[in-house]
């Protein structure tokens, strides 16, 4: 029984296009965090993008699926901020001030 080796990261020498360079950086980050089974799909996506067979929107959708798959544990959580009306704040401050004067 022979073991399959994980695909290696593809390196391009003609990276003069800024959009492709940015896409390659996203590919590189996703490739480093991906499992061996996913690395082949990432290689295929970046090769198609380089050859003009895939547009940037589809490429980023493909890359983001694999980034989110590796990063499922951390999601954005919204914190609740509770405010106070000025009148209530002043009332609480006066009460705290009275308590400090008479306890001290």
C-alpha atoms as a PDB file:
ATOM      1  CA  UNK A   1       0.000   0.000   0.000  1.00  0.00           C
ATOM      2  CA  UNK A   2       1.552   3.336  -1.051  1.00  0.00           C
ATOM      3  CA  UNK A   3       0.867   6.622   0.672  1.00  0.00           C
ATOM      4  CA  UNK A   4      -0.167   9.662  -1.317  1.00  0.00           C
ATOM      5  CA  UNK A   5       1.990  12.696  -0.778  1.00  0.00           C
ATOM      6  CA  UNK A   6       0.414  16.068  -0.067  1.00  0.00           C
ATOM      7  CA  UNK A   7       0.516  18.477  -3.027  1.00  0.00           C
ATOM      8  CA  UNK A   8       3.153  21.177  -2.884  1.00  0.00           C
ATOM      9  CA  UNK A   9       2.472  24.890  -3.053  1.00  0.00           C
ATOM     10  CA  UNK A  10       2.585  26.292  -6.585  1.00  0.00           C
ATOM     11  CA  UNK A  11       4.994  29.181  -7.150  1.00  0.00           C
ATOM     12  CA  UNK A  12       4.591  31.624 -10.052  1.00  0.00           C
ATOM     13  CA  UNK A  13       7.526  33.662 -11.333  1.00  0.00           C
ATOM     14  CA  UNK A  14       5.584  36.238 -13.397  1.00  0.00           C
ATOM     15  CA  UNK A  15       3.638  38.032 -10.665  1.00  0.00           C
ATOM     16  CA  UNK A  16       3.482  41.541 -12.147  1.00  0.00           C
ATOM     17  CA  UNK A  17      -0.314  41.850 -11.895  1.00  0.00           C
ATOM     18  CA  UNK A  18      -1.366  43.356  -8.548  1.00  0.00           C
ATOM     19  CA  UNK A  19      -4.744  41.586  -8.445  1.00  0.00           C
ATOM     20  CA  UNK A  20      -3.120  38.224  -9.040  1.00  0.00           C
ATOM     21  CA  UNK A  21      -0.437  38.935  -6.418  1.00  0.00           C
ATOM     22  CA  UNK A  22      -3.143  39.677  -3.819  1.00  0.00           C
ATOM     23  CA  UNK A  23      -5.027  36.534  -4.832  1.00  0.00           C
ATOM     24  CA  UNK A  24      -1.835  34.503  -4.534  1.00  0.00           C
ATOM     25  CA  UNK A  25      -1.315  35.802  -0.973  1.00  0.00           C
ATOM     26  CA  UNK A  26      -4.828  34.622  -0.060  1.00  0.00           C
ATOM     27  CA  UNK A  27      -4.096  31.263  -1.687  1.00  0.00           C
ATOM     28  CA  UNK A  28      -0.834  30.985   0.230  1.00  0.00           C
ATOM     29  CA  UNK A  29      -2.512  31.592   3.600  1.00  0.00           C
ATOM     30  CA  UNK A  30      -5.276  29.110   2.821  1.00  0.00           C
ATOM     31  CA  UNK A  31      -2.767  26.530   1.563  1.00  0.00           C
ATOM     32  CA  UNK A  32      -0.669  26.746   4.729  1.00  0.00           C
ATOM     33  CA  UNK A  33      -3.729  26.176   6.937  1.00  0.00           C
ATOM     34  CA  UNK A  34      -5.391  23.511   4.772  1.00  0.00           C
ATOM     35  CA  UNK A  35      -5.445  19.754   5.128  1.00  0.00           C
ATOM     36  CA  UNK A  36      -3.683  17.660   2.459  1.00  0.00           C
ATOM     37  CA  UNK A  37      -6.972  16.717   0.786  1.00  0.00           C
ATOM     38  CA  UNK A  38      -7.900  20.374   0.273  1.00  0.00           C
ATOM     39  CA  UNK A  39      -4.486  21.496  -0.983  1.00  0.00           C
ATOM     40  CA  UNK A  40      -5.099  19.911  -4.383  1.00  0.00           C
ATOM     41  CA  UNK A  41      -8.307  21.893  -4.814  1.00  0.00           C
ATOM     42  CA  UNK A  42      -6.514  25.104  -3.860  1.00  0.00           C
ATOM     43  CA  UNK A  43      -3.751  24.361  -6.369  1.00  0.00           C
ATOM     44  CA  UNK A  44      -6.370  23.771  -9.045  1.00  0.00           C
ATOM     45  CA  UNK A  45      -8.116  27.062  -8.252  1.00  0.00           C
ATOM     46  CA  UNK A  46      -4.953  29.182  -8.376  1.00  0.00           C
ATOM     47  CA  UNK A  47      -3.817  27.486 -11.606  1.00  0.00           C
ATOM     48  CA  UNK A  48      -7.177  28.193 -13.265  1.00  0.00           C
ATOM     49  CA  UNK A  49      -7.002  31.812 -12.099  1.00  0.00           C
ATOM     50  CA  UNK A  50      -3.493  32.205 -13.494  1.00  0.00           C
ATOM     51  CA  UNK A  51      -4.520  30.696 -16.840  1.00  0.00           C
ATOM     52  CA  UNK A  52      -7.611  32.936 -17.067  1.00  0.00           C
ATOM     53  CA  UNK A  53     -10.102  30.067 -16.795  1.00  0.00           C
ATOM     54  CA  UNK A  54     -11.563  31.376 -13.519  1.00  0.00           C
ATOM     55  CA  UNK A  55     -12.602  34.885 -12.466  1.00  0.00           C
ATOM     56  CA  UNK A  56     -11.519  36.505  -9.208  1.00  0.00           C
ATOM     57  CA  UNK A  57     -14.954  36.322  -7.578  1.00  0.00           C
ATOM     58  CA  UNK A  58     -15.192  32.561  -7.970  1.00  0.00           C
ATOM     59  CA  UNK A  59     -11.576  32.175  -6.868  1.00  0.00           C
ATOM     60  CA  UNK A  60     -12.135  34.098  -3.641  1.00  0.00           C
ATOM     61  CA  UNK A  61     -15.357  32.153  -2.957  1.00  0.00           C
ATOM     62  CA  UNK A  62     -13.385  28.916  -3.268  1.00  0.00           C
ATOM     63  CA  UNK A  63     -10.551  30.162  -1.066  1.00  0.00           C
ATOM     64  CA  UNK A  64     -12.910  31.576   1.589  1.00  0.00           C
ATOM     65  CA  UNK A  65     -14.740  28.264   1.915  1.00  0.00           C
ATOM     66  CA  UNK A  66     -11.501  26.570   2.876  1.00  0.00           C
ATOM     67  CA  UNK A  67     -10.352  29.373   5.155  1.00  0.00           C
ATOM     68  CA  UNK A  68     -13.673  29.363   7.011  1.00  0.00           C
ATOM     69  CA  UNK A  69     -13.588  25.586   7.222  1.00  0.00           C
ATOM     70  CA  UNK A  70     -10.256  25.742   9.030  1.00  0.00           C
ATOM     71  CA  UNK A  71     -11.320  28.681  11.174  1.00  0.00           C
ATOM     72  CA  UNK A  72     -14.770  27.561  12.360  1.00  0.00           C
ATOM     73  CA  UNK A  73     -14.122  28.015  16.064  1.00  0.00           C
ATOM     74  CA  UNK A  74     -13.643  31.747  15.968  1.00  0.00           C
ATOM     75  CA  UNK A  75     -16.654  33.673  14.833  1.00  0.00           C
ATOM     76  CA  UNK A  76     -17.630  37.277  15.378  1.00  0.00           C
ATOM     77  CA  UNK A  77     -19.695  37.769  18.489  1.00  0.00           C
ATOM     78  CA  UNK A  78     -21.478  41.016  19.131  1.00  0.00           C
ATOM     79  CA  UNK A  79     -21.181  42.356  22.678  1.00  0.00           C
ATOM     80  CA  UNK A  80     -24.139  44.119  24.223  1.00  0.00           C
ATOM     81  CA  UNK A  81     -23.421  47.648  25.355  1.00  0.00           C
ATOM     82  CA  UNK A  82     -25.723  49.025  27.994  1.00  0.00           C
ATOM     83  CA  UNK A  83     -25.999  52.746  28.320  1.00  0.00           C
ATOM     84  CA  UNK A  84     -27.564  54.969  30.894  1.00  0.00           C
ATOM     85  CA  UNK A  85     -29.539  58.166  30.531  1.00  0.00           C
ATOM     86  CA  UNK A  86     -27.910  61.318  31.831  1.00  0.00           C
ATOM     87  CA  UNK A  87     -30.599  61.820  34.490  1.00  0.00           C
ATOM     88  CA  UNK A  88     -30.135  58.289  35.840  1.00  0.00           C
ATOM     89  CA  UNK A  89     -26.356  58.720  35.823  1.00  0.00           C
ATOM     90  CA  UNK A  90     -26.555  61.977  37.816  1.00  0.00           C
ATOM     91  CA  UNK A  91     -28.950  60.368  40.315  1.00  0.00           C
ATOM     92  CA  UNK A  92     -26.551  57.443  40.847  1.00  0.00           C
ATOM     93  CA  UNK A  93     -23.589  59.828  41.243  1.00  0.00           C
ATOM     94  CA  UNK A  94     -25.413  61.898  43.883  1.00  0.00           C
ATOM     95  CA  UNK A  95     -26.333  58.732  45.779  1.00  0.00           C
ATOM     96  CA  UNK A  96     -22.748  57.437  45.610  1.00  0.00           C
ATOM     97  CA  UNK A  97     -21.460  60.822  46.808  1.00  0.00           C
ATOM     98  CA  UNK A  98     -23.840  60.851  49.820  1.00  0.00           C
ATOM     99  CA  UNK A  99     -22.827  57.318  50.760  1.00  0.00           C
ATOM    100  CA  UNK A 100     -19.125  58.217  50.608  1.00  0.00           C
ATOM    101  CA  UNK A 101     -19.619  61.344  52.794  1.00  0.00           C
ATOM    102  CA  UNK A 102     -21.544  59.551  55.525  1.00  0.00           C
ATOM    103  CA  UNK A 103     -19.554  56.334  55.574  1.00  0.00           C
ATOM    104  CA  UNK A 104     -16.156  57.991  55.522  1.00  0.00           C
END
